[in-house]
Amino acid sequence: MAHPATRVVLVHGAYADGSSWSEVIPLLTEAGLDAVAVQHPLTTLDAGVQATQRALARSSETTVLVAHSYAGMIITQAGLAPNVSALVYVAARAPDAGEDYTALAQQYAAPPASAGLIWQDGYGRLSDEAFLTDFANGVEPSRARTLLAAQGPIADTLFASSTTVAAWRSRPSWYVVSAQDRTINPDLERFMAARMEATTSEVDAGHLGLVSHHREVAAVIIEAAGHRN
């Protein structure tokens, strides 16, 4: 990379908020990168894309755009911004343009976490058991309970839309597979990473590898930025 990125924009997934990147951010800062965590409302794809575009537009500096989980939808749509030099997917959705992600996921065995989703008044959350056992598996227990306390409920409209572009088709991409993921089937993650011809690595982590294996995840982001770790 002739011109290394100086900035990283991090986008959180469903059932979470920007604090899910708390372990990664200090490592990026130590590497000389300016890290920004997007707070998006978990209501619609468009709302998440708009929040991410606002974060990208705050600076013209070359930026690596990073997603965890559902936010892969967001960076796939928003990643064509002119200042985005690379995309990093961390156990994340990586749909093609116009693809029905739900139909794609149904080609693989359903992950255990999906059985723990509870809906009330148009919003969904994971049960405490599903969150701790299937979403945060492998995370130190006290940290997992802190994340549970900050769980972001999702609107029933969040998963309704498809991306209209696939930024990974024209941006260098990296993918971190979570081998012990109980929220997205690891074989689906491997399929998406291979399809996008991403630089791929695996961590022996559950869905929250960005927490339990934050050093490995940060190292991938730093590599994508064109920096030596």
C-alpha atoms as a PDB file:
ATOM      1  CA  MET A   1       0.000   0.000   0.000  1.00  0.00           C
ATOM      2  CA  ALA A   2       1.680   3.188  -1.178  1.00  0.00           C
ATOM      3  CA  HIS A   3      -0.223   5.457   1.175  1.00  0.00           C
ATOM      4  CA  PRO A   4      -1.011   3.782   4.506  1.00  0.00           C
ATOM      5  CA  ALA A   5      -4.309   4.615   6.146  1.00  0.00           C
ATOM      6  CA  THR A   6      -4.200   6.934   9.130  1.00  0.00           C
ATOM      7  CA  ARG A   7      -7.756   6.381  10.332  1.00  0.00           C
ATOM      8  CA  VAL A   8     -10.039   3.478  11.234  1.00  0.00           C
ATOM      9  CA  VAL A   9     -13.838   3.584  11.446  1.00  0.00           C
ATOM     10  CA  LEU A  10     -15.287   0.693  13.469  1.00  0.00           C
ATOM     11  CA  VAL A  11     -18.924  -0.363  13.112  1.00  0.00           C
ATOM     12  CA  HIS A  12     -20.636  -2.531  15.728  1.00  0.00           C
ATOM     13  CA  GLY A  13     -23.039  -5.375  15.124  1.00  0.00           C
ATOM     14  CA  ALA A  14     -26.488  -6.235  16.412  1.00  0.00           C
ATOM     15  CA  TYR A  15     -27.078  -6.663  20.159  1.00  0.00           C
ATOM     16  CA  ALA A  16     -24.107  -4.364  20.813  1.00  0.00           C
ATOM     17  CA  ASP A  17     -22.862  -0.802  20.649  1.00  0.00           C
ATOM     18  CA  GLY A  18     -19.581   0.941  19.962  1.00  0.00           C
ATOM     19  CA  SER A  19     -18.160  -0.149  23.326  1.00  0.00           C
ATOM     20  CA  SER A  20     -17.679  -3.631  21.869  1.00  0.00           C
ATOM     21  CA  TRP A  21     -14.503  -2.231  20.278  1.00  0.00           C
ATOM     22  CA  SER A  22     -13.053  -1.094  23.633  1.00  0.00           C
ATOM     23  CA  GLU A  23     -10.267  -3.690  23.659  1.00  0.00           C
ATOM     24  CA  VAL A  24      -9.268  -3.049  20.042  1.00  0.00           C
ATOM     25  CA  ILE A  25      -9.179   0.753  20.051  1.00  0.00           C
ATOM     26  CA  PRO A  26      -6.165   1.221  22.380  1.00  0.00           C
ATOM     27  CA  LEU A  27      -4.093  -1.130  20.217  1.00  0.00           C
ATOM     28  CA  LEU A  28      -4.964   0.847  17.084  1.00  0.00           C
ATOM     29  CA  THR A  29      -4.097   4.090  18.850  1.00  0.00           C
ATOM     30  CA  GLU A  30      -0.737   2.646  19.921  1.00  0.00           C
ATOM     31  CA  ALA A  31      -0.076   1.842  16.250  1.00  0.00           C
ATOM     32  CA  GLY A  32      -0.614   5.493  15.328  1.00  0.00           C
ATOM     33  CA  LEU A  33      -4.115   5.142  13.934  1.00  0.00           C
ATOM     34  CA  ASP A  34      -7.026   7.463  14.707  1.00  0.00           C
ATOM     35  CA  ALA A  35      -9.906   5.155  15.668  1.00  0.00           C
ATOM     36  CA  VAL A  36     -13.581   6.138  15.621  1.00  0.00           C
ATOM     37  CA  ALA A  37     -16.434   3.865  16.742  1.00  0.00           C
ATOM     38  CA  VAL A  38     -19.764   4.473  15.032  1.00  0.00           C
ATOM     39  CA  GLN A  39     -22.904   4.420  17.170  1.00  0.00           C
ATOM     40  CA  HIS A  40     -25.761   3.402  14.912  1.00  0.00           C
ATOM     41  CA  PRO A  41     -29.342   2.822  16.027  1.00  0.00           C
ATOM     42  CA  LEU A  42     -29.973  -0.843  15.039  1.00  0.00           C
ATOM     43  CA  THR A  43     -33.191   0.175  13.308  1.00  0.00           C
ATOM     44  CA  THR A  44     -32.611  -0.105   9.544  1.00  0.00           C
ATOM     45  CA  LEU A  45     -29.756  -0.720   7.159  1.00  0.00           C
ATOM     46  CA  ASP A  46     -30.147   2.796   5.778  1.00  0.00           C
ATOM     47  CA  ALA A  47     -29.831   4.343   9.239  1.00  0.00           C
ATOM     48  CA  GLY A  48     -26.658   2.377   9.907  1.00  0.00           C
ATOM     49  CA  VAL A  49     -25.191   3.336   6.547  1.00  0.00           C
ATOM     50  CA  GLN A  50     -25.986   7.009   7.136  1.00  0.00           C
ATOM     51  CA  ALA A  51     -24.349   6.975  10.580  1.00  0.00           C
ATOM     52  CA  THR A  52     -21.262   5.352   9.058  1.00  0.00           C
ATOM     53  CA  GLN A  53     -21.162   7.813   6.175  1.00  0.00           C
ATOM     54  CA  ARG A  54     -21.245  10.686   8.658  1.00  0.00           C
ATOM     55  CA  ALA A  55     -18.266   9.190  10.496  1.00  0.00           C
ATOM     56  CA  LEU A  56     -16.382   8.710   7.225  1.00  0.00           C
ATOM     57  CA  ALA A  57     -17.152  12.268   6.110  1.00  0.00           C
ATOM     58  CA  ARG A  58     -15.645  13.804   9.255  1.00  0.00           C
ATOM     59  CA  SER A  59     -12.200  13.441   7.716  1.00  0.00           C
ATOM     60  CA  SER A  60     -10.737  13.064   4.248  1.00  0.00           C
ATOM     61  CA  GLU A  61      -7.900  10.957   5.638  1.00  0.00           C
ATOM     62  CA  THR A  62      -7.396   7.494   4.181  1.00  0.00           C
ATOM     63  CA  THR A  63      -9.547   5.143   6.244  1.00  0.00           C
ATOM     64  CA  VAL A  64      -9.952   1.436   6.934  1.00  0.00           C
ATOM     65  CA  LEU A  65     -13.614   0.565   7.448  1.00  0.00           C
ATOM     66  CA  VAL A  66     -14.190  -2.310   9.880  1.00  0.00           C
ATOM     67  CA  ALA A  67     -17.320  -4.278  10.748  1.00  0.00           C
ATOM     68  CA  HIS A  68     -18.357  -6.870  13.274  1.00  0.00           C
ATOM     69  CA  SER A  69     -21.299  -9.198  12.678  1.00  0.00           C
ATOM     70  CA  TYR A  70     -24.396  -7.473  11.201  1.00  0.00           C
ATOM     71  CA  ALA A  71     -22.319  -4.363  10.443  1.00  0.00           C
ATOM     72  CA  GLY A  72     -20.814  -6.233   7.520  1.00  0.00           C
ATOM     73  CA  MET A  73     -24.019  -5.224   5.730  1.00  0.00           C
ATOM     74  CA  ILE A  74     -23.278  -1.597   6.542  1.00  0.00           C
ATOM     75  CA  ILE A  75     -19.671  -1.487   5.341  1.00  0.00           C
ATOM     76  CA  THR A  76     -20.553  -3.474   2.225  1.00  0.00           C
ATOM     77  CA  GLN A  77     -22.947  -0.642   1.348  1.00  0.00           C
ATOM     78  CA  ALA A  78     -20.922   2.315   2.659  1.00  0.00           C
ATOM     79  CA  GLY A  79     -17.446   1.119   1.709  1.00  0.00           C
ATOM     80  CA  LEU A  80     -17.311   2.839  -1.664  1.00  0.00           C
ATOM     81  CA  ALA A  81     -16.665   6.199  -0.010  1.00  0.00           C
ATOM     82  CA  PRO A  82     -13.604   7.719  -1.714  1.00  0.00           C
ATOM     83  CA  ASN A  83     -11.489   7.806   1.446  1.00  0.00           C
ATOM     84  CA  VAL A  84     -11.970   4.089   2.218  1.00  0.00           C
ATOM     85  CA  SER A  85      -8.820   2.158   1.311  1.00  0.00           C
ATOM     86  CA  ALA A  86      -9.690  -1.248   2.768  1.00  0.00           C
ATOM     87  CA  LEU A  87     -12.445  -3.238   4.434  1.00  0.00           C
ATOM     88  CA  VAL A  88     -12.108  -5.583   7.405  1.00  0.00           C
ATOM     89  CA  TYR A  89     -14.857  -8.052   8.299  1.00  0.00           C
ATOM     90  CA  VAL A  90     -14.724  -9.575  11.795  1.00  0.00           C
ATOM     91  CA  ALA A  91     -17.108 -12.553  11.964  1.00  0.00           C
ATOM     92  CA  ALA A  92     -19.322 -10.376   9.813  1.00  0.00           C
ATOM     93  CA  ARG A  93     -21.958 -10.579   7.129  1.00  0.00           C
ATOM     94  CA  ALA A  94     -20.503 -10.015   3.662  1.00  0.00           C
ATOM     95  CA  PRO A  95     -23.396 -10.042   1.196  1.00  0.00           C
ATOM     96  CA  ASP A  96     -23.184  -9.516  -2.512  1.00  0.00           C
ATOM     97  CA  ALA A  97     -25.182  -6.704  -4.128  1.00  0.00           C
ATOM     98  CA  GLY A  98     -28.896  -7.434  -3.895  1.00  0.00           C
ATOM     99  CA  GLU A  99     -28.332 -10.751  -2.142  1.00  0.00           C
ATOM    100  CA  ASP A 100     -30.866 -12.108   0.340  1.00  0.00           C
ATOM    101  CA  TYR A 101     -28.537 -12.720   3.275  1.00  0.00           C
ATOM    102  CA  THR A 102     -31.167 -14.664   5.209  1.00  0.00           C
ATOM    103  CA  ALA A 103     -31.585 -17.090   2.320  1.00  0.00           C
ATOM    104  CA  LEU A 104     -27.801 -17.446   2.075  1.00  0.00           C
ATOM    105  CA  ALA A 105     -27.499 -18.171   5.794  1.00  0.00           C
ATOM    106  CA  GLN A 106     -30.248 -20.788   5.590  1.00  0.00           C
ATOM    107  CA  GLN A 107     -27.964 -22.912   3.422  1.00  0.00           C
ATOM    108  CA  TYR A 108     -25.944 -23.588   6.586  1.00  0.00           C
ATOM    109  CA  ALA A 109     -26.894 -25.092   9.933  1.00  0.00           C
ATOM    110  CA  ALA A 110     -28.652 -22.553  12.137  1.00  0.00           C
ATOM    111  CA  PRO A 111     -26.328 -21.199  14.834  1.00  0.00           C
ATOM    112  CA  PRO A 112     -27.538 -21.701  18.439  1.00  0.00           C
ATOM    113  CA  ALA A 113     -27.884 -17.996  19.265  1.00  0.00           C
ATOM    114  CA  SER A 114     -30.797 -17.553  16.861  1.00  0.00           C
ATOM    115  CA  ALA A 115     -33.017 -19.716  19.088  1.00  0.00           C
ATOM    116  CA  GLY A 116     -32.579 -17.248  21.941  1.00  0.00           C
ATOM    117  CA  LEU A 117     -33.965 -14.163  20.186  1.00  0.00           C
ATOM    118  CA  ILE A 118     -36.936 -12.659  22.054  1.00  0.00           C
ATOM    119  CA  TRP A 119     -39.298 -10.130  20.417  1.00  0.00           C
ATOM    120  CA  GLN A 120     -41.447  -7.576  22.221  1.00  0.00           C
ATOM    121  CA  ASP A 121     -43.177  -4.458  20.864  1.00  0.00           C
ATOM    122  CA  GLY A 122     -41.234  -4.555  17.592  1.00  0.00           C
ATOM    123  CA  TYR A 123     -37.789  -4.967  19.156  1.00  0.00           C
ATOM    124  CA  GLY A 124     -35.670  -8.049  19.681  1.00  0.00           C
ATOM    125  CA  ARG A 125     -32.990  -9.008  22.173  1.00  0.00           C
ATOM    126  CA  LEU A 126     -31.120 -12.160  23.030  1.00  0.00           C
ATOM    127  CA  SER A 127     -32.093 -13.911  26.241  1.00  0.00           C
ATOM    128  CA  ASP A 128     -29.492 -13.689  28.972  1.00  0.00           C
ATOM    129  CA  GLU A 129     -28.615 -17.349  28.467  1.00  0.00           C
ATOM    130  CA  ALA A 130     -28.278 -17.019  24.684  1.00  0.00           C
ATOM    131  CA  PHE A 131     -26.194 -13.864  25.017  1.00  0.00           C
ATOM    132  CA  LEU A 132     -23.759 -15.329  27.527  1.00  0.00           C
ATOM    133  CA  THR A 133     -23.588 -18.862  26.109  1.00  0.00           C
ATOM    134  CA  ASP A 134     -23.908 -18.332  22.352  1.00  0.00           C
ATOM    135  CA  PHE A 135     -23.103 -14.679  21.611  1.00  0.00           C
ATOM    136  CA  ALA A 136     -20.326 -14.066  24.136  1.00  0.00           C
ATOM    137  CA  ASN A 137     -18.892 -17.572  24.372  1.00  0.00           C
ATOM    138  CA  GLY A 138     -15.193 -17.418  25.112  1.00  0.00           C
ATOM    139  CA  VAL A 139     -15.382 -13.940  26.664  1.00  0.00           C
ATOM    140  CA  GLU A 140     -14.262 -13.561  30.282  1.00  0.00           C
ATOM    141  CA  PRO A 141     -17.481 -13.838  32.381  1.00  0.00           C
ATOM    142  CA  SER A 142     -17.435 -10.393  33.994  1.00  0.00           C
ATOM    143  CA  ARG A 143     -16.770  -8.738  30.620  1.00  0.00           C
ATOM    144  CA  ALA A 144     -19.547 -10.797  29.045  1.00  0.00           C
ATOM    145  CA  ARG A 145     -21.990  -9.573  31.677  1.00  0.00           C
ATOM    146  CA  THR A 146     -20.932  -5.973  31.070  1.00  0.00           C
ATOM    147  CA  LEU A 147     -21.656  -6.450  27.371  1.00  0.00           C
ATOM    148  CA  LEU A 148     -24.993  -8.042  28.272  1.00  0.00           C
ATOM    149  CA  ALA A 149     -25.896  -4.959  30.311  1.00  0.00           C
ATOM    150  CA  ALA A 150     -25.168  -2.802  27.239  1.00  0.00           C
ATOM    151  CA  GLN A 151     -27.032  -5.075  24.817  1.00  0.00           C
ATOM    152  CA  GLY A 152     -28.657  -3.035  22.060  1.00  0.00           C
ATOM    153  CA  PRO A 153     -32.168  -4.153  21.105  1.00  0.00           C
ATOM    154  CA  ILE A 154     -32.756  -4.485  17.378  1.00  0.00           C
ATOM    155  CA  ALA A 155     -35.814  -3.207  15.518  1.00  0.00           C
ATOM    156  CA  ASP A 156     -37.821  -5.747  13.548  1.00  0.00           C
ATOM    157  CA  THR A 157     -36.928  -3.720  10.430  1.00  0.00           C
ATOM    158  CA  LEU A 158     -33.159  -4.149  10.847  1.00  0.00           C
ATOM    159  CA  PHE A 159     -32.774  -7.308   8.782  1.00  0.00           C
ATOM    160  CA  ALA A 160     -35.375  -6.386   6.161  1.00  0.00           C
ATOM    161  CA  SER A 161     -33.155  -4.690   3.559  1.00  0.00           C
ATOM    162  CA  SER A 162     -30.494  -5.935   1.169  1.00  0.00           C
ATOM    163  CA  THR A 163     -27.380  -4.094   0.084  1.00  0.00           C
ATOM    164  CA  THR A 164     -27.466  -2.548  -3.389  1.00  0.00           C
ATOM    165  CA  VAL A 165     -23.678  -2.582  -3.898  1.00  0.00           C
ATOM    166  CA  ALA A 166     -20.824  -4.800  -2.736  1.00  0.00           C
ATOM    167  CA  ALA A 167     -17.870  -2.602  -1.808  1.00  0.00           C
ATOM    168  CA  TRP A 168     -15.656  -5.661  -1.308  1.00  0.00           C
ATOM    169  CA  ARG A 169     -15.673  -6.185  -5.071  1.00  0.00           C
ATOM    170  CA  SER A 170     -13.563  -3.039  -5.531  1.00  0.00           C
ATOM    171  CA  ARG A 171     -11.788  -2.568  -2.185  1.00  0.00           C
ATOM    172  CA  PRO A 172      -9.026  -4.749  -0.714  1.00  0.00           C
ATOM    173  CA  SER A 173     -10.668  -6.838   1.987  1.00  0.00           C
ATOM    174  CA  TRP A 174      -9.683  -8.821   5.069  1.00  0.00           C
ATOM    175  CA  TYR A 175     -11.813 -11.335   6.950  1.00  0.00           C
ATOM    176  CA  VAL A 176     -11.362 -12.722  10.478  1.00  0.00           C
ATOM    177  CA  VAL A 177     -13.273 -15.992  10.912  1.00  0.00           C
ATOM    178  CA  SER A 178     -14.347 -17.017  14.420  1.00  0.00           C
ATOM    179  CA  ALA A 179     -13.904 -20.784  14.503  1.00  0.00           C
ATOM    180  CA  GLN A 180     -16.118 -21.254  17.592  1.00  0.00           C
ATOM    181  CA  ASP A 181     -18.864 -18.852  16.475  1.00  0.00           C
ATOM    182  CA  ARG A 182     -22.353 -19.726  17.758  1.00  0.00           C
ATOM    183  CA  THR A 183     -24.054 -16.659  16.212  1.00  0.00           C
ATOM    184  CA  ILE A 184     -22.940 -16.905  12.560  1.00  0.00           C
ATOM    185  CA  ASN A 185     -22.056 -20.358  11.239  1.00  0.00           C
ATOM    186  CA  PRO A 186     -18.243 -20.446  10.855  1.00  0.00           C
ATOM    187  CA  ASP A 187     -18.600 -22.299   7.535  1.00  0.00           C
ATOM    188  CA  LEU A 188     -20.730 -19.417   6.242  1.00  0.00           C
ATOM    189  CA  GLU A 189     -18.004 -17.007   7.336  1.00  0.00           C
ATOM    190  CA  ARG A 190     -15.426 -19.096   5.461  1.00  0.00           C
ATOM    191  CA  PHE A 191     -17.626 -19.142   2.350  1.00  0.00           C
ATOM    192  CA  MET A 192     -18.061 -15.360   2.360  1.00  0.00           C
ATOM    193  CA  ALA A 193     -14.348 -14.769   2.949  1.00  0.00           C
ATOM    194  CA  ALA A 194     -13.413 -17.094   0.071  1.00  0.00           C
ATOM    195  CA  ARG A 195     -15.979 -15.562  -2.286  1.00  0.00           C
ATOM    196  CA  MET A 196     -14.628 -12.076  -1.702  1.00  0.00           C
ATOM    197  CA  GLU A 197     -11.039 -13.329  -2.055  1.00  0.00           C
ATOM    198  CA  ALA A 198     -10.290 -11.664   1.258  1.00  0.00           C
ATOM    199  CA  THR A 199      -7.032 -11.987   3.134  1.00  0.00           C
ATOM    200  CA  THR A 200      -8.371 -14.454   5.671  1.00  0.00           C
ATOM    201  CA  SER A 201      -7.349 -15.530   9.150  1.00  0.00           C
ATOM    202  CA  GLU A 202      -9.074 -17.591  11.824  1.00  0.00           C
ATOM    203  CA  VAL A 203      -9.169 -17.119  15.563  1.00  0.00           C
ATOM    204  CA  ASP A 204     -10.208 -19.818  18.028  1.00  0.00           C
ATOM    205  CA  ALA A 205     -12.962 -17.556  19.313  1.00  0.00           C
ATOM    206  CA  GLY A 206     -16.687 -17.243  19.626  1.00  0.00           C
ATOM    207  CA  HIS A 207     -18.652 -14.495  17.901  1.00  0.00           C
ATOM    208  CA  LEU A 208     -16.983 -11.775  19.990  1.00  0.00           C
ATOM    209  CA  GLY A 209     -13.438 -12.372  18.822  1.00  0.00           C
ATOM    210  CA  LEU A 210     -13.000  -8.599  18.809  1.00  0.00           C
ATOM    211  CA  VAL A 211     -13.167  -8.885  22.624  1.00  0.00           C
ATOM    212  CA  SER A 212     -11.622 -12.265  23.469  1.00  0.00           C
ATOM    213  CA  HIS A 213      -8.966 -12.127  20.722  1.00  0.00           C
ATOM    214  CA  HIS A 214      -8.620  -8.373  20.377  1.00  0.00           C
ATOM    215  CA  ARG A 215      -4.876  -8.472  19.752  1.00  0.00           C
ATOM    216  CA  GLU A 216      -5.276 -10.724  16.724  1.00  0.00           C
ATOM    217  CA  VAL A 217      -8.164  -8.618  15.416  1.00  0.00           C
ATOM    218  CA  ALA A 218      -6.239  -5.376  15.917  1.00  0.00           C
ATOM    219  CA  ALA A 219      -3.242  -6.866  14.106  1.00  0.00           C
ATOM    220  CA  VAL A 220      -5.407  -7.595  11.058  1.00  0.00           C
ATOM    221  CA  ILE A 221      -6.764  -4.034  11.050  1.00  0.00           C
ATOM    222  CA  ILE A 222      -3.254  -2.635  11.350  1.00  0.00           C
ATOM    223  CA  GLU A 223      -2.155  -4.834   8.441  1.00  0.00           C
ATOM    224  CA  ALA A 224      -5.095  -3.632   6.352  1.00  0.00           C
ATOM    225  CA  ALA A 225      -4.067  -0.056   7.117  1.00  0.00           C
ATOM    226  CA  GLY A 226      -0.648  -0.731   5.635  1.00  0.00           C
ATOM    227  CA  HIS A 227       1.214  -0.496   8.926  1.00  0.00           C
ATOM    228  CA  ARG A 228       3.652  -2.951  10.402  1.00  0.00           C
ATOM    229  CA  ASN A 229       2.402  -4.395  13.684  1.00  0.00           C
END
